[in-house]
């Protein structure tokens, strides 16, 4: 089975507000208000897509989900490198479990 390895980064000169918005929409975020009295979770794109985060800015996912993630990254003008790879049985098992 084929998979995709995505390496990406948001450029250095991106302001903090845009970087935070990217992280919220991509990874999701837990928030609280009134001194921790109320809790809320903002869902991110990757929460609905089976993936493995290898290190910061590098994720492995199934080929069928790659285009959706690449389009999202392009919206934030991220530098994206895409490589096709053959998944090991262990990788397939992990990605199918999250599917």
Protein backbone atom coordinates (compact mmCIF):
# COMPACT_ATOMS: atom_id res chain seq x y z
CA UNK A 1 0.00 0.00 0.00
CA UNK A 2 1.22 3.50 -0.80
CA UNK A 3 1.48 6.35 1.63
CA UNK A 4 2.61 9.94 1.53
CA UNK A 5 5.31 11.64 3.56
CA UNK A 6 4.68 15.38 3.96
CA UNK A 7 7.36 17.72 5.24
CA UNK A 8 6.21 21.29 5.72
CA UNK A 9 6.94 24.57 7.44
CA UNK A 10 5.26 27.91 7.78
CA UNK A 11 7.77 30.55 6.75
CA UNK A 12 9.88 32.35 9.36
CA UNK A 13 8.49 35.82 8.72
CA UNK A 14 4.90 34.76 9.33
CA UNK A 15 3.35 36.77 12.16
CA UNK A 16 2.39 35.05 15.42
CA UNK A 17 -1.34 35.51 14.85
CA UNK A 18 -1.22 33.61 11.54
CA UNK A 19 0.99 30.88 13.00
CA UNK A 20 -1.42 30.38 15.92
CA UNK A 21 -4.40 30.26 13.58
CA UNK A 22 -2.59 27.66 11.46
CA UNK A 23 -1.92 25.46 14.51
CA UNK A 24 -5.53 25.74 15.71
CA UNK A 25 -6.98 24.77 12.34
CA UNK A 26 -4.40 22.09 11.54
CA UNK A 27 -3.82 20.31 14.86
CA UNK A 28 -6.78 21.49 16.97
CA UNK A 29 -6.60 23.25 20.32
CA UNK A 30 -7.99 23.04 23.84
CA UNK A 31 -9.08 26.38 25.25
CA UNK A 32 -10.47 27.54 28.59
CA UNK A 33 -11.99 30.72 29.92
CA UNK A 34 -12.95 32.34 33.20
CA UNK A 35 -9.93 31.00 35.05
CA UNK A 36 -10.33 27.46 33.70
CA UNK A 37 -14.01 27.22 34.55
CA UNK A 38 -15.10 26.54 30.97
CA UNK A 39 -13.29 24.22 28.59
CA UNK A 40 -13.71 23.94 24.85
CA UNK A 41 -11.93 22.01 22.12
CA UNK A 42 -11.47 23.46 18.63
CA UNK A 43 -11.17 20.59 16.17
CA UNK A 44 -8.34 20.59 13.67
CA UNK A 45 -8.04 19.11 10.21
CA UNK A 46 -5.70 16.29 11.27
CA UNK A 47 -8.13 15.05 13.91
CA UNK A 48 -10.32 13.64 11.13
CA UNK A 49 -7.48 12.24 9.03
CA UNK A 50 -5.49 9.14 10.02
CA UNK A 51 -1.84 10.18 10.23
CA UNK A 52 1.41 9.65 12.09
CA UNK A 53 3.33 12.72 13.21
CA UNK A 54 6.99 11.71 12.94
CA UNK A 55 8.62 14.96 14.07
CA UNK A 56 7.69 18.62 13.95
CA UNK A 57 6.53 19.42 10.44
CA UNK A 58 6.67 15.84 9.13
CA UNK A 59 3.61 13.61 8.87
CA UNK A 60 2.87 10.29 7.20
CA UNK A 61 -0.61 9.60 5.88
CA UNK A 62 -2.55 7.55 3.38
CA UNK A 63 -2.40 8.57 -0.26
CA UNK A 64 -6.15 9.22 -0.42
CA UNK A 65 -5.92 11.95 2.26
CA UNK A 66 -2.86 13.77 0.93
CA UNK A 67 -4.56 16.24 -1.42
CA UNK A 68 -6.82 17.61 1.32
CA UNK A 69 -3.84 18.27 3.61
CA UNK A 70 -1.69 19.76 0.84
CA UNK A 71 -4.47 22.17 -0.15
CA UNK A 72 -4.82 23.28 3.47
CA UNK A 73 -1.06 23.87 3.77
CA UNK A 74 -1.06 25.91 0.55
CA UNK A 75 -3.77 28.17 1.99
CA UNK A 76 -1.21 29.23 4.63
CA UNK A 77 1.61 29.56 2.06
CA UNK A 78 3.55 26.79 3.77
CA UNK A 79 6.60 25.29 2.12
CA UNK A 80 5.58 21.69 1.35
CA UNK A 81 7.66 18.70 0.27
CA UNK A 82 5.79 15.54 -0.77
CA UNK A 83 7.25 12.07 -1.14
CA UNK A 84 5.49 8.87 -2.01
CA UNK A 85 6.44 5.87 0.08
CA UNK A 86 5.59 2.21 0.48
CA UNK A 87 4.01 1.63 3.87
CA UNK A 88 5.29 -1.18 6.04
CA UNK A 89 2.70 -3.56 7.53
CA UNK A 90 3.16 -1.76 10.86
CA UNK A 91 2.52 1.65 9.28
CA UNK A 92 -0.58 0.32 7.52
CA UNK A 93 -1.92 -1.08 10.77
CA UNK A 94 -1.47 2.24 12.59
CA UNK A 95 -3.04 4.30 9.79
CA UNK A 96 -5.96 1.88 9.32
CA UNK A 97 -6.68 1.85 13.05
CA UNK A 98 -7.22 5.61 13.00
CA UNK A 99 -9.33 5.43 9.82
